[in-house]
Amino acid sequence: MQAIILIMVVGIVSGVAIGIQGPMASIITHKLGLFESVFIVHLGGMLAALIPLVLFQHGGRLSQWRELPWYVFFAGLSGLIVLAGISYLIPRIG
């Protein structure tokens, strides 16, 4: 039962985050520019991921990044494209 509740909470929190990320990124894009927005959002995400890695010492396997297939790094590029598209389109199509 606890696993189902955790799954539901993670789903709700993730859904809310998706819902607010686009409009917030769009505000940054409007004020600063598209590439500045993408940079700021990803910098914030990097810092948010770095904190638990340092505090909880979960970064032990991070050193094995070289063992990943080369093509998985396109996930970062995909994230940039998605965020740039959302930031550009939200103020134009609502």
Protein backbone atom coordinates (compact mmCIF):
# COMPACT_ATOMS: atom_id res chain seq x y z
CA MET A 1 0.00 0.00 0.00
CA GLN A 2 2.83 2.41 0.81
CA ALA A 3 4.36 1.84 -2.65
CA ILE A 4 1.10 2.85 -4.34
CA ILE A 5 0.90 6.04 -2.28
CA LEU A 6 4.51 6.87 -3.13
CA ILE A 7 3.82 6.27 -6.82
CA MET A 8 0.79 8.55 -6.67
CA VAL A 9 2.68 11.31 -4.85
CA VAL A 10 5.60 11.14 -7.29
CA GLY A 11 3.16 11.25 -10.21
CA ILE A 12 1.29 14.26 -8.82
CA VAL A 13 4.45 16.19 -7.97
CA SER A 14 5.95 15.41 -11.38
CA GLY A 15 2.77 16.49 -13.15
CA VAL A 16 2.69 19.78 -11.27
CA ALA A 17 6.37 20.36 -12.08
CA ILE A 18 5.74 19.77 -15.78
CA GLY A 19 2.78 22.12 -15.66
CA ILE A 20 4.70 25.00 -14.10
CA GLN A 21 8.05 24.56 -15.83
CA GLY A 22 6.80 25.66 -19.23
CA PRO A 23 5.21 28.94 -18.13
CA MET A 24 8.18 29.82 -15.90
CA ALA A 25 10.65 29.09 -18.70
CA SER A 26 8.47 31.15 -21.02
CA ILE A 27 8.70 34.13 -18.66
CA ILE A 28 12.49 33.86 -18.62
CA THR A 29 12.49 33.59 -22.43
CA HIS A 30 10.32 36.69 -22.75
CA LYS A 31 12.54 38.72 -20.38
CA LEU A 32 16.01 37.45 -21.33
CA GLY A 33 15.88 35.35 -24.49
CA LEU A 34 15.52 31.74 -25.56
CA PHE A 35 19.06 30.49 -25.01
CA GLU A 36 19.35 32.36 -21.72
CA SER A 37 16.17 30.66 -20.54
CA VAL A 38 17.40 27.20 -21.50
CA PHE A 39 20.70 27.88 -19.77
CA ILE A 40 19.10 29.16 -16.54
CA VAL A 41 16.62 26.27 -16.33
CA HIS A 42 19.32 23.64 -16.88
CA LEU A 43 21.69 25.37 -14.48
CA GLY A 44 18.98 25.29 -11.83
CA GLY A 45 18.36 21.62 -12.54
CA MET A 46 22.06 20.85 -12.33
CA LEU A 47 22.32 22.57 -8.95
CA ALA A 48 19.18 20.80 -7.70
CA ALA A 49 20.66 17.43 -8.70
CA LEU A 50 24.08 18.28 -7.27
CA ILE A 51 22.77 18.95 -3.75
CA PRO A 52 21.53 15.40 -3.03
CA LEU A 53 24.59 13.94 -4.77
CA VAL A 54 26.81 15.81 -2.32
CA LEU A 55 24.64 15.62 0.80
CA PHE A 56 23.67 11.97 0.53
CA GLN A 57 26.86 10.84 -1.22
CA HIS A 58 24.95 9.20 -4.06
CA GLY A 59 27.54 10.37 -6.57
CA GLY A 60 29.65 7.25 -6.18
CA ARG A 61 28.55 5.79 -9.52
CA LEU A 62 28.75 9.10 -11.36
CA SER A 63 32.39 8.38 -12.12
CA GLN A 64 31.24 5.50 -14.34
CA TRP A 65 29.69 7.88 -16.89
CA ARG A 66 32.33 6.88 -19.44
CA GLU A 67 30.81 3.40 -19.62
CA LEU A 68 27.55 4.73 -21.05
CA PRO A 69 26.90 4.38 -24.78
CA TRP A 70 27.70 7.62 -26.64
CA TYR A 71 24.17 8.10 -27.93
CA VAL A 72 22.57 8.42 -24.48
CA PHE A 73 24.06 11.89 -24.19
CA PHE A 74 21.51 13.01 -26.75
CA ALA A 75 19.05 12.95 -23.84
CA GLY A 76 20.53 16.29 -22.77
CA LEU A 77 20.16 17.69 -26.27
CA SER A 78 16.58 16.40 -26.38
CA GLY A 79 15.85 18.20 -23.12
CA LEU A 80 17.25 21.42 -24.55
CA ILE A 81 15.09 21.10 -27.66
CA VAL A 82 11.94 20.35 -25.67
CA LEU A 83 12.49 23.24 -23.27
CA ALA A 84 13.38 25.66 -26.06
CA GLY A 85 10.28 24.64 -27.98
CA ILE A 86 8.02 25.04 -24.96
CA SER A 87 9.55 28.38 -24.02
CA TYR A 88 9.13 29.68 -27.56
CA LEU A 89 5.64 28.35 -28.23
CA ILE A 90 3.76 29.02 -24.97
CA PRO A 91 3.56 32.80 -25.39
CA ARG A 92 2.65 32.41 -29.06
CA ILE A 93 -0.06 29.74 -28.95
CA GLY A 94 -1.05 29.74 -25.27
